[in-house]
Every structure is written in C-alpha cells, then in structure tokens.
Amino acid sequence: MKRLILCSVLMSGALLGACAAGDQAGSAAVDRSDPVCLSDYDIRSFSPLYDEFIYVEGLRDTHYLFTMQRGCIGLRSAQTIGIPDRPGRICSNSLEDVIYHDISRGQTSCRILGIERVSSRDEARELAEARRQARHER
C-alpha cells in the first residue's frame, strides 16, 4: 500500500504549502557530488517557486530548494503537492518525482533534478530567481 504525503497550497500573497503528513546564484547546474537527503517525514511544507523550483521547509528549521525538470506546467498554481511513497528518503541524486494536482491537467508528476540545502525561504527564492534570469539571458 502506498502512502502519499499531500500538501494543500494556500494563497496569501505568496504560495505556501501546508503538509497533511508528516552558490551558484547564476547557474542552473545542480551539484550532485555530495547528495543531499531528507526523510519524507521531515517535510513540513512546500512552496512552489515558478514551475521549476519548490521551496521545502523541513522540521527543525531546515530549508531546501528542489530544482525540477523543465516543463512542470501548472506546478506554481498546484492545489496539492506530494511525494510518492518510496523508501522514506528523498536524495538529490535519486531522481524522485513530485506529484501535484493542477486544475487544468489533474494529477501530474514531475522529476526532481536536484535538492540543495538553503538557509531560508528568501535564499531559495533568490536562487530560483537568479537561475531563471540567467537562463532567459542565454
């Protein structure tokens, strides 16, 4: 039997996720040499940043930036976001998926290309913005 961590996405100026269970500023490259892992139980909330990044707030004041594959259409406006049940750990080098529900497309999955530790939601947002701008300038 599969367990799915689902998060409702709330609107309050910025998109925030509330879980039901539970520097390369200019570069889009993700460092896979030292994998970052977290337990799916340690995820407190998700906040989509554009359709390519997700800020993840963990328990014990931990923060992560998930870099998603391109083309995660509707991720930013997703109603729910979840991690499919796997062995319980999500690592930056394991190419796991995120499942989300988009109003127009229904349930959709998108591949996690990388996971990085960040110091705060603000740092995650700044990195995501810098990487989007760098890609658009090419």
N, C-alpha and C. Protein backbone atom coordinates (compact mmCIF):
# COMPACT_ATOMS: atom_id res chain seq x y z
N MET A 1 0.85 -1.18 0.00
CA MET A 1 0.00 0.00 0.00
C MET A 1 0.88 1.24 0.00
N LYS A 2 0.56 2.16 -0.84
CA LYS A 2 1.38 3.37 -0.95
C LYS A 2 0.85 4.46 -0.04
N ARG A 3 1.77 5.22 0.54
CA ARG A 3 1.43 6.39 1.34
C ARG A 3 1.88 7.59 0.54
N LEU A 4 1.06 8.60 0.50
CA LEU A 4 1.39 9.79 -0.27
C LEU A 4 1.29 10.99 0.66
N ILE A 5 2.37 11.76 0.75
CA ILE A 5 2.34 12.99 1.52
C ILE A 5 1.72 14.04 0.63
N LEU A 6 0.61 14.59 1.03
CA LEU A 6 -0.05 15.61 0.23
C LEU A 6 0.01 16.94 0.94
N CYS A 7 0.13 17.98 0.18
CA CYS A 7 0.18 19.32 0.73
C CYS A 7 -0.84 20.18 0.01
N SER A 8 -1.62 20.91 0.76
CA SER A 8 -2.55 21.86 0.19
C SER A 8 -1.80 23.16 -0.03
N VAL A 9 -2.02 23.76 -1.15
CA VAL A 9 -1.36 25.01 -1.46
C VAL A 9 -2.31 26.14 -1.12
N LEU A 10 -1.83 27.09 -0.30
CA LEU A 10 -2.63 28.20 0.17
C LEU A 10 -2.17 29.48 -0.48
N MET A 11 -3.06 30.44 -0.64
CA MET A 11 -2.70 31.74 -1.19
C MET A 11 -2.71 32.77 -0.06
N SER A 12 -1.61 33.52 0.06
CA SER A 12 -1.54 34.65 0.99
C SER A 12 -0.43 35.57 0.52
N GLY A 13 -0.59 36.09 -0.66
CA GLY A 13 0.45 36.93 -1.26
C GLY A 13 1.46 36.07 -1.99
N ALA A 14 1.99 35.07 -1.34
CA ALA A 14 2.89 34.11 -1.96
C ALA A 14 2.26 32.74 -1.81
N LEU A 15 2.67 31.80 -2.62
CA LEU A 15 2.12 30.46 -2.49
C LEU A 15 2.83 29.74 -1.36
N LEU A 16 2.03 29.13 -0.51
CA LEU A 16 2.59 28.38 0.61
C LEU A 16 1.98 26.98 0.59
N GLY A 17 2.71 26.01 1.05
CA GLY A 17 2.17 24.66 1.15
C GLY A 17 2.07 24.25 2.60
N ALA A 18 0.99 23.62 2.95
CA ALA A 18 0.82 23.13 4.31
C ALA A 18 0.66 21.63 4.24
N CYS A 19 1.56 20.88 4.79
CA CYS A 19 1.55 19.44 4.66
C CYS A 19 0.46 18.82 5.50
N ALA A 20 -0.12 17.76 4.95
CA ALA A 20 -1.11 16.99 5.68
C ALA A 20 -0.43 15.87 6.43
N ALA A 21 0.76 15.51 6.05
CA ALA A 21 1.53 14.50 6.76
C ALA A 21 2.96 15.00 6.86
N GLY A 22 2.96 14.06 8.11
CA GLY A 22 4.24 14.36 8.18
C GLY A 22 5.49 14.11 8.75
N ASP A 23 27.39 28.80 -4.32
CA ASP A 23 26.15 29.20 -4.59
C ASP A 23 26.41 29.83 -5.82
N GLN A 24 25.40 28.79 -6.24
CA GLN A 24 25.60 29.04 -7.65
C GLN A 24 24.46 29.92 -8.10
N ALA A 25 24.48 31.19 -7.67
CA ALA A 25 23.34 32.08 -7.90
C ALA A 25 22.98 32.20 -9.36
N GLY A 26 23.92 32.25 -10.24
CA GLY A 26 23.60 32.42 -11.64
C GLY A 26 23.54 31.13 -12.43
N SER A 27 23.88 30.03 -11.83
CA SER A 27 23.97 28.77 -12.54
C SER A 27 22.74 27.91 -12.30
N ALA A 28 22.27 27.25 -13.33
CA ALA A 28 21.15 26.33 -13.18
C ALA A 28 21.65 24.93 -12.87
N ALA A 29 22.95 24.73 -12.85
CA ALA A 29 23.51 23.41 -12.58
C ALA A 29 23.31 23.05 -11.11
N VAL A 30 23.06 21.77 -10.87
CA VAL A 30 22.89 21.27 -9.52
C VAL A 30 24.06 20.36 -9.21
N ASP A 31 24.70 20.58 -8.07
CA ASP A 31 25.85 19.78 -7.66
C ASP A 31 25.38 18.42 -7.17
N ARG A 32 25.80 17.36 -7.85
CA ARG A 32 25.41 16.00 -7.46
C ARG A 32 26.54 15.26 -6.75
N SER A 33 27.68 15.93 -6.53
CA SER A 33 28.83 15.27 -5.95
C SER A 33 28.61 14.91 -4.48
N ASP A 34 27.87 15.71 -3.76
CA ASP A 34 27.59 15.46 -2.35
C ASP A 34 26.07 15.46 -2.17
N PRO A 35 25.42 14.30 -2.33
CA PRO A 35 23.97 14.28 -2.33
C PRO A 35 23.37 14.76 -1.01
N VAL A 36 22.29 15.51 -1.15
CA VAL A 36 21.51 15.98 0.00
C VAL A 36 20.30 15.07 0.11
N CYS A 37 20.05 14.54 1.30
CA CYS A 37 18.92 13.65 1.51
C CYS A 37 18.06 14.16 2.66
N LEU A 38 16.78 13.90 2.56
CA LEU A 38 15.89 14.21 3.66
C LEU A 38 14.80 13.15 3.70
N SER A 39 14.30 12.93 4.88
CA SER A 39 13.21 11.98 5.06
C SER A 39 11.90 12.65 4.67
N ASP A 40 11.03 11.90 4.01
CA ASP A 40 9.74 12.49 3.64
C ASP A 40 8.94 12.89 4.88
N TYR A 41 9.22 12.27 6.01
CA TYR A 41 8.54 12.63 7.26
C TYR A 41 9.02 13.97 7.81
N ASP A 42 10.18 14.43 7.36
CA ASP A 42 10.73 15.70 7.84
C ASP A 42 10.24 16.91 7.05
N ILE A 43 9.35 16.68 6.09
CA ILE A 43 8.84 17.79 5.29
C ILE A 43 7.64 18.41 5.99
N ARG A 44 7.77 19.70 6.26
CA ARG A 44 6.68 20.45 6.89
C ARG A 44 5.79 21.11 5.85
N SER A 45 6.39 21.76 4.84
CA SER A 45 5.59 22.43 3.83
C SER A 45 6.34 22.60 2.53
N PHE A 46 5.58 22.80 1.47
CA PHE A 46 6.10 23.05 0.12
C PHE A 46 5.62 24.43 -0.31
N SER A 47 6.46 25.14 -1.05
CA SER A 47 6.06 26.40 -1.69
C SER A 47 6.61 26.40 -3.10
N PRO A 48 5.76 26.23 -4.10
CA PRO A 48 6.25 26.26 -5.48
C PRO A 48 6.81 27.64 -5.82
N LEU A 49 7.96 27.66 -6.45
CA LEU A 49 8.57 28.89 -6.96
C LEU A 49 8.66 28.72 -8.46
N TYR A 50 7.77 29.36 -9.17
CA TYR A 50 7.68 29.19 -10.61
C TYR A 50 7.27 27.75 -10.89
N ASP A 51 7.46 27.29 -12.11
CA ASP A 51 7.14 25.90 -12.44
C ASP A 51 8.38 25.02 -12.41
N GLU A 52 9.51 25.57 -11.94
CA GLU A 52 10.76 24.82 -11.99
C GLU A 52 11.43 24.60 -10.64
N PHE A 53 10.93 25.24 -9.61
CA PHE A 53 11.56 25.15 -8.29
C PHE A 53 10.50 25.01 -7.21
N ILE A 54 10.87 24.31 -6.15
CA ILE A 54 9.99 24.20 -4.98
C ILE A 54 10.84 24.47 -3.75
N TYR A 55 10.37 25.40 -2.93
CA TYR A 55 10.99 25.61 -1.61
C TYR A 55 10.33 24.61 -0.67
N VAL A 56 11.16 23.91 0.11
CA VAL A 56 10.65 22.93 1.06
C VAL A 56 11.13 23.32 2.45
N GLU A 57 10.18 23.49 3.35
CA GLU A 57 10.51 23.75 4.75
C GLU A 57 10.46 22.43 5.48
N GLY A 58 11.56 22.11 6.14
CA GLY A 58 11.63 20.88 6.90
C GLY A 58 11.43 21.14 8.38
N LEU A 59 11.38 20.07 9.11
CA LEU A 59 11.31 20.19 10.57
C LEU A 59 12.67 20.65 11.08
N ARG A 60 12.73 21.08 12.29
CA ARG A 60 13.99 21.50 12.93
C ARG A 60 14.68 22.62 12.16
N ASP A 61 13.88 23.56 11.64
CA ASP A 61 14.42 24.75 10.98
C ASP A 61 15.38 24.42 9.84
N THR A 62 15.01 23.45 9.01
CA THR A 62 15.80 23.12 7.82
C THR A 62 15.05 23.63 6.59
N HIS A 63 15.81 23.97 5.56
CA HIS A 63 15.23 24.56 4.35
C HIS A 63 15.92 23.95 3.14
N TYR A 64 15.13 23.72 2.08
CA TYR A 64 15.66 23.10 0.87
C TYR A 64 15.08 23.78 -0.36
N LEU A 65 15.85 23.71 -1.45
CA LEU A 65 15.36 24.14 -2.74
C LEU A 65 15.40 22.92 -3.66
N PHE A 66 14.23 22.51 -4.15
CA PHE A 66 14.15 21.43 -5.13
C PHE A 66 14.20 22.07 -6.52
N THR A 67 15.09 21.59 -7.36
CA THR A 67 15.13 22.01 -8.76
C THR A 67 14.43 20.92 -9.55
N MET A 68 13.41 21.32 -10.28
CA MET A 68 12.58 20.38 -11.02
C MET A 68 12.98 20.37 -12.49
N GLN A 69 12.60 19.30 -13.19
CA GLN A 69 12.83 19.28 -14.63
C GLN A 69 12.01 20.39 -15.27
N ARG A 70 12.44 20.83 -16.42
CA ARG A 70 11.67 21.85 -17.14
C ARG A 70 10.35 21.25 -17.61
N GLY A 71 9.37 22.10 -17.69
CA GLY A 71 8.09 21.66 -18.22
C GLY A 71 7.12 21.15 -17.18
N CYS A 72 7.30 21.51 -15.92
CA CYS A 72 6.34 21.13 -14.87
C CYS A 72 5.17 22.12 -14.91
N ILE A 73 4.43 22.07 -15.98
CA ILE A 73 3.35 23.03 -16.21
C ILE A 73 2.31 22.92 -15.10
N GLY A 74 1.96 24.06 -14.55
CA GLY A 74 0.94 24.11 -13.50
C GLY A 74 1.45 23.91 -12.09
N LEU A 75 2.74 23.66 -11.93
CA LEU A 75 3.29 23.43 -10.59
C LEU A 75 3.09 24.64 -9.70
N ARG A 76 3.34 25.82 -10.24
CA ARG A 76 3.24 27.04 -9.43
C ARG A 76 1.83 27.24 -8.87
N SER A 77 0.82 26.82 -9.59
CA SER A 77 -0.56 27.01 -9.13
C SER A 77 -1.19 25.72 -8.64
N ALA A 78 -0.36 24.73 -8.31
CA ALA A 78 -0.88 23.43 -7.88
C ALA A 78 -1.71 23.55 -6.60
N GLN A 79 -2.79 22.78 -6.54
CA GLN A 79 -3.63 22.75 -5.35
C GLN A 79 -3.03 21.85 -4.27
N THR A 80 -2.39 20.78 -4.69
CA THR A 80 -1.72 19.87 -3.75
C THR A 80 -0.38 19.46 -4.34
N ILE A 81 0.56 19.17 -3.46
CA ILE A 81 1.87 18.66 -3.86
C ILE A 81 2.19 17.50 -2.94
N GLY A 82 2.76 16.44 -3.48
CA GLY A 82 3.08 15.28 -2.65
C GLY A 82 4.31 14.56 -3.14
N ILE A 83 4.81 13.70 -2.29
CA ILE A 83 5.95 12.84 -2.60
C ILE A 83 5.41 11.41 -2.56
N PRO A 84 5.56 10.65 -3.64
CA PRO A 84 5.10 9.25 -3.60
C PRO A 84 5.88 8.47 -2.55
N ASP A 85 5.25 7.46 -2.01
CA ASP A 85 5.91 6.64 -1.00
C ASP A 85 7.04 5.85 -1.64
N ARG A 86 8.21 6.07 -1.14
CA ARG A 86 9.41 5.35 -1.55
C ARG A 86 10.03 4.81 -0.26
N PRO A 87 11.31 4.53 -0.26
CA PRO A 87 11.93 4.02 0.97
C PRO A 87 11.93 5.01 2.14
N GLY A 88 11.36 6.20 1.96
CA GLY A 88 11.29 7.15 3.06
C GLY A 88 12.32 8.25 2.99
N ARG A 89 13.27 8.16 2.07
CA ARG A 89 14.28 9.20 1.92
C ARG A 89 14.28 9.70 0.49
N ILE A 90 14.42 10.99 0.36
CA ILE A 90 14.50 11.64 -0.94
C ILE A 90 15.90 12.22 -1.02
N CYS A 91 16.63 11.89 -2.07
CA CYS A 91 18.00 12.39 -2.21
C CYS A 91 18.16 13.16 -3.51
N SER A 92 19.09 14.08 -3.50
CA SER A 92 19.31 14.94 -4.66
C SER A 92 19.78 14.17 -5.88
N ASN A 93 20.32 13.00 -5.70
CA ASN A 93 20.83 12.22 -6.84
C ASN A 93 19.95 11.01 -7.15
N SER A 94 18.75 10.95 -6.61
CA SER A 94 17.92 9.76 -6.82
C SER A 94 16.83 9.93 -7.87
N LEU A 95 16.67 11.15 -8.42
CA LEU A 95 15.70 11.41 -9.47
C LEU A 95 14.29 10.96 -9.09
N GLU A 96 13.84 11.38 -7.93
CA GLU A 96 12.47 11.10 -7.47
C GLU A 96 11.50 12.03 -8.17
N ASP A 97 10.24 11.76 -8.00
CA ASP A 97 9.18 12.59 -8.57
C ASP A 97 8.40 13.30 -7.47
N VAL A 98 7.80 14.41 -7.86
CA VAL A 98 6.82 15.10 -7.05
C VAL A 98 5.49 14.92 -7.78
N ILE A 99 4.44 14.68 -7.04
CA ILE A 99 3.11 14.58 -7.64
C ILE A 99 2.35 15.82 -7.22
N TYR A 100 1.66 16.44 -8.17
CA TYR A 100 0.86 17.62 -7.84
C TYR A 100 -0.44 17.60 -8.62
N HIS A 101 -1.41 18.34 -8.12
CA HIS A 101 -2.71 18.41 -8.77
C HIS A 101 -2.89 19.81 -9.34
N ASP A 102 -3.00 19.87 -10.65
CA ASP A 102 -3.22 21.11 -11.37
C ASP A 102 -4.67 21.13 -11.83
N ILE A 103 -5.35 22.25 -11.67
CA ILE A 103 -6.76 22.36 -12.02
C ILE A 103 -7.02 21.93 -13.46
N SER A 104 -6.21 22.38 -14.39
CA SER A 104 -6.47 22.10 -15.80
C SER A 104 -6.00 20.72 -16.26
N ARG A 105 -5.00 20.16 -15.59
CA ARG A 105 -4.42 18.88 -16.05
C ARG A 105 -4.67 17.71 -15.11
N GLY A 106 -5.18 17.97 -13.94
CA GLY A 106 -5.38 16.89 -12.97
C GLY A 106 -4.07 16.51 -12.30
N GLN A 107 -3.98 15.26 -11.87
CA GLN A 107 -2.76 14.81 -11.19
C GLN A 107 -1.64 14.65 -12.19
N THR A 108 -0.49 15.24 -11.86
CA THR A 108 0.67 15.26 -12.74
C THR A 108 1.91 14.98 -11.89
N SER A 109 2.91 14.39 -12.49
CA SER A 109 4.17 14.19 -11.77
C SER A 109 5.27 14.95 -12.49
N CYS A 110 6.31 15.27 -11.72
CA CYS A 110 7.44 15.99 -12.27
C CYS A 110 8.70 15.52 -11.55
N ARG A 111 9.77 15.36 -12.28
CA ARG A 111 11.02 14.83 -11.77
C ARG A 111 11.80 15.87 -10.98
N ILE A 112 12.34 15.47 -9.83
CA ILE A 112 13.24 16.31 -9.04
C ILE A 112 14.65 16.09 -9.60
N LEU A 113 15.26 17.15 -10.11
CA LEU A 113 16.61 17.03 -10.65
C LEU A 113 17.68 17.26 -9.59
N GLY A 114 17.34 18.02 -8.56
CA GLY A 114 18.32 18.29 -7.52
C GLY A 114 17.68 18.85 -6.26
N ILE A 115 18.35 18.65 -5.15
CA ILE A 115 17.92 19.16 -3.85
C ILE A 115 19.12 19.83 -3.22
N GLU A 116 18.93 21.05 -2.78
CA GLU A 116 20.01 21.79 -2.11
C GLU A 116 19.53 22.29 -0.76
N ARG A 117 20.42 22.29 0.21
CA ARG A 117 20.12 22.95 1.48
C ARG A 117 20.27 24.45 1.29
N VAL A 118 19.35 25.21 1.82
CA VAL A 118 19.44 26.67 1.80
C VAL A 118 19.19 27.16 3.22
N SER A 119 19.52 28.42 3.49
CA SER A 119 19.40 28.94 4.85
C SER A 119 18.00 29.44 5.16
N SER A 120 17.21 29.75 4.12
CA SER A 120 15.88 30.33 4.37
C SER A 120 15.04 30.29 3.10
N ARG A 121 13.77 30.62 3.26
CA ARG A 121 12.86 30.76 2.12
C ARG A 121 13.37 31.87 1.20
N ASP A 122 13.86 32.96 1.79
CA ASP A 122 14.37 34.08 0.99
C ASP A 122 15.55 33.65 0.11
N GLU A 123 16.48 32.88 0.66
CA GLU A 123 17.61 32.42 -0.14
C GLU A 123 17.12 31.52 -1.28
N ALA A 124 16.17 30.63 -1.00
CA ALA A 124 15.62 29.76 -2.04
C ALA A 124 14.99 30.60 -3.16
N ARG A 125 14.24 31.61 -2.79
CA ARG A 125 13.59 32.47 -3.77
C ARG A 125 14.62 33.23 -4.60
N GLU A 126 15.67 33.73 -3.94
CA GLU A 126 16.72 34.46 -4.66
C GLU A 126 17.46 33.56 -5.65
N LEU A 127 17.79 32.34 -5.22
CA LEU A 127 18.47 31.39 -6.12
C LEU A 127 17.59 31.05 -7.31
N ALA A 128 16.31 30.78 -7.06
CA ALA A 128 15.39 30.44 -8.13
C ALA A 128 15.27 31.59 -9.13
N GLU A 129 15.14 32.79 -8.62
CA GLU A 129 15.02 33.96 -9.49
C GLU A 129 16.29 34.18 -10.32
N ALA A 130 17.45 34.07 -9.68
CA ALA A 130 18.72 34.26 -10.38
C ALA A 130 18.90 33.21 -11.48
N ARG A 131 18.52 31.98 -11.22
CA ARG A 131 18.66 30.91 -12.20
C ARG A 131 17.69 31.10 -13.36
N ARG A 132 16.49 31.56 -13.08
CA ARG A 132 15.53 31.84 -14.15
C ARG A 132 16.04 32.98 -15.04
N GLN A 133 16.56 34.03 -14.41
CA GLN A 133 17.07 35.16 -15.18
C GLN A 133 18.27 34.75 -16.03
N ALA A 134 19.18 33.97 -15.47
CA ALA A 134 20.36 33.52 -16.20
C ALA A 134 19.95 32.69 -17.41
N ARG A 135 18.96 31.85 -17.27
CA ARG A 135 18.50 31.02 -18.38
C ARG A 135 17.86 31.87 -19.47
N HIS A 136 17.12 32.90 -19.07
CA HIS A 136 16.44 33.75 -20.05
C HIS A 136 17.42 34.68 -20.78
N GLU A 137 18.58 34.95 -20.18
CA GLU A 137 19.58 35.81 -20.82
C GLU A 137 20.41 35.07 -21.86
N ARG A 138 20.36 33.76 -21.84
CA ARG A 138 21.16 32.97 -22.80
C ARG A 138 20.59 33.04 -24.17
